[in-house]
Amino acid sequence: DPSNFSIGKLYSLTFYRQLKSALNDDGIVVIQSTSPLIARKSFWCVDNTLAAAGYQTAAYHLFVPSFGEWGFIIGSFSPYRVPEHLPEGLRFLDLPTMKAMFQFPPDMAHV
């Protein structure tokens, strides 16, 4: 999370526009975007800023034991779709969990 001006620039429209030049056509970027529960407006501000920079966005959240409910934004040139299959042997992630990560209850919904 941005705690000073220098780090805050990593969440700026200018930075996200510059970042696009480093991505392949099928590349994605994932931005750690604070808690959609505790800092709802800040979380969705990151989503809006990525969209304003020309990305297709997909927001998701999950419970991180040391942080609580935490959110991330995927930015890409085409809409992100949850995969139909995941690699075998994953310990945390399965398809029902992954699909649920992209669903937001009313207290975390877009503002």
N, C-alpha and C. Protein backbone atom coordinates (compact mmCIF):
# COMPACT_ATOMS: atom_id res chain seq x y z
N ASP A 1 0.84 -1.18 0.00
CA ASP A 1 0.00 0.00 0.00
C ASP A 1 0.88 1.24 0.00
N PRO A 2 0.47 2.26 -0.73
CA PRO A 2 1.30 3.45 -0.76
C PRO A 2 1.32 4.18 0.58
N SER A 3 2.51 4.32 1.13
CA SER A 3 2.66 5.03 2.40
C SER A 3 3.45 6.32 2.24
N ASN A 4 3.95 6.58 1.03
CA ASN A 4 4.64 7.84 0.75
C ASN A 4 4.49 8.14 -0.74
N PHE A 5 4.96 9.32 -1.13
CA PHE A 5 4.78 9.79 -2.51
C PHE A 5 5.43 8.85 -3.52
N SER A 6 6.65 8.40 -3.23
CA SER A 6 7.37 7.55 -4.18
C SER A 6 6.63 6.24 -4.44
N ILE A 7 6.16 5.61 -3.39
CA ILE A 7 5.42 4.36 -3.56
C ILE A 7 4.06 4.63 -4.19
N GLY A 8 3.46 5.76 -3.86
CA GLY A 8 2.16 6.12 -4.42
C GLY A 8 2.19 6.22 -5.94
N LYS A 9 3.34 6.58 -6.52
CA LYS A 9 3.45 6.68 -7.97
C LYS A 9 3.26 5.32 -8.65
N LEU A 10 3.47 4.24 -7.90
CA LEU A 10 3.27 2.90 -8.45
C LEU A 10 1.78 2.58 -8.64
N TYR A 11 0.92 3.44 -8.13
CA TYR A 11 -0.53 3.26 -8.27
C TYR A 11 -1.13 4.35 -9.16
N SER A 12 -0.31 5.00 -9.97
CA SER A 12 -0.78 6.14 -10.74
C SER A 12 -1.15 5.76 -12.17
N LEU A 13 -1.97 6.59 -12.78
CA LEU A 13 -2.36 6.42 -14.17
C LEU A 13 -1.12 6.42 -15.06
N THR A 14 -0.18 7.30 -14.80
CA THR A 14 1.05 7.37 -15.59
C THR A 14 1.83 6.06 -15.52
N PHE A 15 1.98 5.52 -14.33
CA PHE A 15 2.72 4.27 -14.17
C PHE A 15 2.03 3.13 -14.92
N TYR A 16 0.72 3.02 -14.78
CA TYR A 16 0.00 1.93 -15.44
C TYR A 16 0.07 2.05 -16.96
N ARG A 17 0.06 3.27 -17.48
CA ARG A 17 0.21 3.45 -18.93
C ARG A 17 1.60 3.02 -19.38
N GLN A 18 2.63 3.37 -18.61
CA GLN A 18 4.00 2.96 -18.94
C GLN A 18 4.16 1.45 -18.84
N LEU A 19 3.52 0.85 -17.87
CA LEU A 19 3.61 -0.59 -17.66
C LEU A 19 3.08 -1.37 -18.86
N LYS A 20 2.09 -0.82 -19.55
CA LYS A 20 1.51 -1.51 -20.71
C LYS A 20 2.56 -1.84 -21.76
N SER A 21 3.56 -0.98 -21.91
CA SER A 21 4.58 -1.22 -22.94
C SER A 21 5.47 -2.41 -22.60
N ALA A 22 5.46 -2.86 -21.36
CA ALA A 22 6.26 -4.01 -20.95
C ALA A 22 5.51 -5.33 -21.09
N LEU A 23 4.22 -5.27 -21.39
CA LEU A 23 3.41 -6.48 -21.47
C LEU A 23 3.29 -6.99 -22.90
N ASN A 24 3.35 -8.30 -23.06
CA ASN A 24 3.01 -8.92 -24.34
C ASN A 24 1.51 -8.79 -24.55
N ASP A 25 1.06 -9.08 -25.75
CA ASP A 25 -0.38 -8.99 -26.05
C ASP A 25 -1.22 -9.85 -25.12
N ASP A 26 -0.68 -11.00 -24.70
CA ASP A 26 -1.43 -11.88 -23.81
C ASP A 26 -0.95 -11.79 -22.36
N GLY A 27 -0.16 -10.76 -22.06
CA GLY A 27 0.36 -10.59 -20.70
C GLY A 27 -0.68 -10.04 -19.74
N ILE A 28 -0.43 -10.28 -18.46
CA ILE A 28 -1.29 -9.71 -17.42
C ILE A 28 -0.42 -9.11 -16.34
N VAL A 29 -0.99 -8.19 -15.61
CA VAL A 29 -0.36 -7.62 -14.44
C VAL A 29 -1.34 -7.80 -13.28
N VAL A 30 -0.82 -8.10 -12.11
CA VAL A 30 -1.65 -8.23 -10.92
C VAL A 30 -1.17 -7.21 -9.90
N ILE A 31 -2.08 -6.38 -9.43
CA ILE A 31 -1.76 -5.31 -8.49
C ILE A 31 -2.36 -5.64 -7.13
N GLN A 32 -1.50 -5.70 -6.12
CA GLN A 32 -1.97 -5.82 -4.73
C GLN A 32 -2.69 -4.51 -4.43
N SER A 33 -3.94 -4.59 -4.00
CA SER A 33 -4.78 -3.40 -4.00
C SER A 33 -5.49 -3.10 -2.69
N THR A 34 -4.94 -3.48 -1.58
CA THR A 34 -5.46 -3.25 -0.23
C THR A 34 -6.72 -4.08 0.03
N SER A 35 -7.36 -3.83 1.13
CA SER A 35 -8.53 -4.61 1.53
C SER A 35 -9.81 -4.01 0.95
N PRO A 36 -10.59 -4.80 0.20
CA PRO A 36 -11.86 -4.27 -0.29
C PRO A 36 -12.91 -4.16 0.81
N LEU A 37 -12.60 -4.71 1.98
CA LEU A 37 -13.52 -4.62 3.11
C LEU A 37 -13.20 -3.40 3.97
N ILE A 38 -11.94 -3.21 4.30
CA ILE A 38 -11.51 -2.12 5.19
C ILE A 38 -11.32 -0.81 4.42
N ALA A 39 -10.81 -0.89 3.19
CA ALA A 39 -10.51 0.31 2.39
C ALA A 39 -11.20 0.18 1.03
N ARG A 40 -12.49 0.04 1.08
CA ARG A 40 -13.29 -0.24 -0.12
C ARG A 40 -13.07 0.78 -1.24
N LYS A 41 -13.14 2.06 -0.91
CA LYS A 41 -12.97 3.09 -1.94
C LYS A 41 -11.58 3.06 -2.55
N SER A 42 -10.56 2.85 -1.72
CA SER A 42 -9.19 2.76 -2.23
C SER A 42 -9.03 1.57 -3.16
N PHE A 43 -9.58 0.43 -2.76
CA PHE A 43 -9.50 -0.77 -3.57
C PHE A 43 -10.08 -0.53 -4.96
N TRP A 44 -11.29 0.00 -5.01
CA TRP A 44 -11.95 0.20 -6.31
C TRP A 44 -11.33 1.36 -7.08
N CYS A 45 -10.65 2.27 -6.40
CA CYS A 45 -9.91 3.33 -7.09
C CYS A 45 -8.79 2.73 -7.93
N VAL A 46 -8.11 1.70 -7.41
CA VAL A 46 -7.06 1.02 -8.18
C VAL A 46 -7.68 0.40 -9.43
N ASP A 47 -8.82 -0.26 -9.29
CA ASP A 47 -9.51 -0.85 -10.43
C ASP A 47 -9.86 0.22 -11.46
N ASN A 48 -10.42 1.33 -11.01
CA ASN A 48 -10.80 2.41 -11.92
C ASN A 48 -9.59 3.02 -12.62
N THR A 49 -8.47 3.14 -11.91
CA THR A 49 -7.27 3.72 -12.50
C THR A 49 -6.69 2.80 -13.57
N LEU A 50 -6.65 1.50 -13.29
CA LEU A 50 -6.20 0.54 -14.31
C LEU A 50 -7.10 0.60 -15.54
N ALA A 51 -8.40 0.66 -15.34
CA ALA A 51 -9.34 0.75 -16.47
C ALA A 51 -9.12 2.04 -17.26
N ALA A 52 -8.87 3.14 -16.56
CA ALA A 52 -8.63 4.42 -17.24
C ALA A 52 -7.34 4.38 -18.06
N ALA A 53 -6.40 3.53 -17.66
CA ALA A 53 -5.14 3.38 -18.40
C ALA A 53 -5.30 2.44 -19.60
N GLY A 54 -6.49 1.87 -19.77
CA GLY A 54 -6.75 1.05 -20.94
C GLY A 54 -6.73 -0.45 -20.72
N TYR A 55 -6.68 -0.88 -19.48
CA TYR A 55 -6.69 -2.31 -19.18
C TYR A 55 -8.12 -2.82 -19.04
N GLN A 56 -8.32 -4.08 -19.36
CA GLN A 56 -9.50 -4.82 -18.94
C GLN A 56 -9.18 -5.27 -17.52
N THR A 57 -10.07 -5.09 -16.59
CA THR A 57 -9.76 -5.43 -15.20
C THR A 57 -10.64 -6.55 -14.67
N ALA A 58 -10.09 -7.27 -13.72
CA ALA A 58 -10.82 -8.30 -12.99
C ALA A 58 -10.35 -8.24 -11.54
N ALA A 59 -11.24 -7.88 -10.65
CA ALA A 59 -10.91 -7.76 -9.23
C ALA A 59 -11.20 -9.07 -8.52
N TYR A 60 -10.34 -9.40 -7.55
CA TYR A 60 -10.60 -10.58 -6.72
C TYR A 60 -10.10 -10.34 -5.32
N HIS A 61 -10.55 -11.17 -4.39
CA HIS A 61 -10.18 -11.03 -2.99
C HIS A 61 -10.08 -12.41 -2.36
N LEU A 62 -9.37 -12.47 -1.26
CA LEU A 62 -9.23 -13.70 -0.50
C LEU A 62 -8.79 -13.36 0.90
N PHE A 63 -8.91 -14.32 1.80
CA PHE A 63 -8.49 -14.11 3.18
C PHE A 63 -7.02 -14.48 3.31
N VAL A 64 -6.21 -13.52 3.74
CA VAL A 64 -4.79 -13.73 4.02
C VAL A 64 -4.64 -13.71 5.53
N PRO A 65 -4.18 -14.81 6.15
CA PRO A 65 -4.16 -14.88 7.62
C PRO A 65 -3.49 -13.69 8.31
N SER A 66 -2.41 -13.17 7.76
CA SER A 66 -1.71 -12.07 8.43
C SER A 66 -2.30 -10.69 8.11
N PHE A 67 -3.20 -10.60 7.14
CA PHE A 67 -3.78 -9.31 6.74
C PHE A 67 -5.30 -9.25 6.87
N GLY A 68 -5.97 -10.37 6.82
CA GLY A 68 -7.42 -10.39 6.76
C GLY A 68 -7.88 -10.44 5.32
N GLU A 69 -9.04 -9.88 5.04
CA GLU A 69 -9.58 -9.87 3.68
C GLU A 69 -8.72 -8.95 2.82
N TRP A 70 -8.16 -9.47 1.72
CA TRP A 70 -7.23 -8.69 0.92
C TRP A 70 -7.60 -8.79 -0.54
N GLY A 71 -7.30 -7.73 -1.30
CA GLY A 71 -7.72 -7.70 -2.69
C GLY A 71 -6.61 -7.45 -3.68
N PHE A 72 -6.89 -7.86 -4.90
CA PHE A 72 -5.96 -7.74 -6.01
C PHE A 72 -6.75 -7.39 -7.27
N ILE A 73 -6.09 -6.73 -8.21
CA ILE A 73 -6.71 -6.41 -9.48
C ILE A 73 -5.84 -6.98 -10.59
N ILE A 74 -6.45 -7.72 -11.50
CA ILE A 74 -5.77 -8.20 -12.70
C ILE A 74 -6.02 -7.18 -13.79
N GLY A 75 -4.96 -6.80 -14.49
CA GLY A 75 -5.07 -5.93 -15.65
C GLY A 75 -4.53 -6.65 -16.87
N SER A 76 -5.26 -6.59 -17.97
CA SER A 76 -4.82 -7.26 -19.20
C SER A 76 -5.43 -6.53 -20.40
N PHE A 77 -5.02 -6.95 -21.60
CA PHE A 77 -5.54 -6.33 -22.81
C PHE A 77 -6.86 -6.94 -23.26
N SER A 78 -7.17 -8.11 -22.75
CA SER A 78 -8.45 -8.75 -23.06
C SER A 78 -9.09 -9.21 -21.75
N PRO A 79 -10.39 -9.43 -21.74
CA PRO A 79 -11.05 -9.80 -20.49
C PRO A 79 -10.46 -11.08 -19.89
N TYR A 80 -10.27 -11.08 -18.57
CA TYR A 80 -9.76 -12.26 -17.87
C TYR A 80 -10.91 -13.23 -17.65
N ARG A 81 -10.64 -14.49 -17.86
CA ARG A 81 -11.62 -15.54 -17.61
C ARG A 81 -11.01 -16.56 -16.65
N VAL A 82 -11.79 -16.95 -15.67
CA VAL A 82 -11.34 -17.99 -14.74
C VAL A 82 -11.13 -19.27 -15.54
N PRO A 83 -9.98 -19.92 -15.38
CA PRO A 83 -9.74 -21.14 -16.17
C PRO A 83 -10.73 -22.25 -15.84
N GLU A 84 -10.92 -23.13 -16.79
CA GLU A 84 -11.81 -24.28 -16.59
C GLU A 84 -11.11 -25.41 -15.84
N HIS A 85 -9.78 -25.41 -15.88
CA HIS A 85 -8.99 -26.45 -15.22
C HIS A 85 -7.81 -25.80 -14.53
N LEU A 86 -7.39 -26.38 -13.41
CA LEU A 86 -6.21 -25.93 -12.68
C LEU A 86 -5.20 -27.07 -12.62
N PRO A 87 -3.92 -26.76 -12.44
CA PRO A 87 -2.93 -27.83 -12.30
C PRO A 87 -3.25 -28.72 -11.10
N GLU A 88 -2.91 -29.97 -11.19
CA GLU A 88 -3.12 -30.89 -10.07
C GLU A 88 -2.10 -30.60 -8.97
N GLY A 89 -2.48 -30.96 -7.74
CA GLY A 89 -1.55 -30.85 -6.62
C GLY A 89 -1.57 -29.52 -5.89
N LEU A 90 -2.45 -28.61 -6.27
CA LEU A 90 -2.53 -27.33 -5.56
C LEU A 90 -3.10 -27.57 -4.16
N ARG A 91 -2.56 -26.88 -3.16
CA ARG A 91 -3.00 -27.09 -1.78
C ARG A 91 -4.07 -26.10 -1.34
N PHE A 92 -4.09 -24.90 -1.87
CA PHE A 92 -5.06 -23.89 -1.47
C PHE A 92 -6.16 -23.72 -2.50
N LEU A 93 -5.76 -23.68 -3.73
CA LEU A 93 -6.67 -23.24 -4.78
C LEU A 93 -7.34 -24.41 -5.49
N ASP A 94 -8.65 -24.32 -5.59
CA ASP A 94 -9.43 -25.22 -6.44
C ASP A 94 -10.43 -24.35 -7.21
N LEU A 95 -11.11 -24.92 -8.17
CA LEU A 95 -12.00 -24.12 -9.01
C LEU A 95 -13.12 -23.43 -8.24
N PRO A 96 -13.81 -24.10 -7.31
CA PRO A 96 -14.85 -23.37 -6.56
C PRO A 96 -14.28 -22.19 -5.77
N THR A 97 -13.11 -22.37 -5.17
CA THR A 97 -12.48 -21.28 -4.42
C THR A 97 -12.12 -20.14 -5.36
N MET A 98 -11.53 -20.49 -6.50
CA MET A 98 -11.11 -19.45 -7.45
C MET A 98 -12.31 -18.66 -7.96
N LYS A 99 -13.39 -19.34 -8.29
CA LYS A 99 -14.58 -18.64 -8.77
C LYS A 99 -15.15 -17.72 -7.69
N ALA A 100 -15.12 -18.17 -6.44
CA ALA A 100 -15.62 -17.36 -5.33
C ALA A 100 -14.78 -16.12 -5.09
N MET A 101 -13.48 -16.19 -5.40
CA MET A 101 -12.60 -15.04 -5.20
C MET A 101 -13.01 -13.84 -6.03
N PHE A 102 -13.69 -14.07 -7.14
CA PHE A 102 -14.09 -12.99 -8.04
C PHE A 102 -15.50 -12.46 -7.74
N GLN A 103 -16.14 -12.99 -6.72
CA GLN A 103 -17.47 -12.54 -6.30
C GLN A 103 -17.32 -11.63 -5.08
N PHE A 104 -18.00 -10.50 -5.09
CA PHE A 104 -17.91 -9.54 -4.00
C PHE A 104 -19.27 -9.38 -3.33
N PRO A 105 -19.34 -9.57 -2.01
CA PRO A 105 -20.59 -9.32 -1.30
C PRO A 105 -20.89 -7.82 -1.28
N PRO A 106 -22.09 -7.43 -0.90
CA PRO A 106 -22.47 -6.01 -0.94
C PRO A 106 -21.51 -5.08 -0.18
N ASP A 107 -20.95 -5.52 0.94
CA ASP A 107 -20.08 -4.62 1.71
C ASP A 107 -18.70 -4.45 1.10
N MET A 108 -18.41 -5.17 0.01
CA MET A 108 -17.15 -5.01 -0.71
C MET A 108 -17.37 -4.69 -2.18
N ALA A 109 -18.61 -4.50 -2.59
CA ALA A 109 -18.94 -4.29 -4.00
C ALA A 109 -18.39 -2.97 -4.52
N HIS A 110 -18.31 -2.88 -5.83
CA HIS A 110 -17.77 -1.68 -6.50
C HIS A 110 -18.52 -0.43 -6.05
N VAL A 111 -17.76 0.62 -5.79
CA VAL A 111 -18.36 1.92 -5.43
C VAL A 111 -17.98 2.95 -6.46
